[in-house]
Amino acid sequence: MPLPYMTKIRTDGSGLWSTRATAVDTISLEVTASRFDGEVWGELRVYFNTDSWDVGEDGLIYTDGGFQDQLRDKLRMIGLPGEDVGYSEQGMQGDNYVSLDVGREFIEAWEKLGHAVEGDQAE
């Protein structure tokens, strides 16, 4: 179940798929994880209000440096390791979310804060 996360994160127009610089209204965060043979990896989805960002008109937020930097800072503010977050591949981006890869450190911090991890596969 996604965690409500209402905040504004600015794009700076530096992405490969968009040059739009604006505030994007985020609405929730969702983490999925896989664990296999001692390895842990996952995906963080940052869902956004499509009234503030329309992928069809604005392009993908994917690769926008300003969005990623601000997101990392905001995650640190709520006790999550922002440095363990980076864009996933282009094909994983959605019409209403930004997909980012996360590692063990992020997933463990997420769980320590009491948040559910979706699609978790036990070792």
Foldseek 3Di string as FASTA:
>chain_A
DWAFDWDWFWFCLPAPFFRDTDTWTWTTWAWAWEDDPRFIKIKIKTFTDVVRPFCVPGNFSAPRPRRLVVVQVVCVVVPARSVQWAFDDPVVQDRGIGMIMGGDRRVVRCVVVPDDHPNYDDD
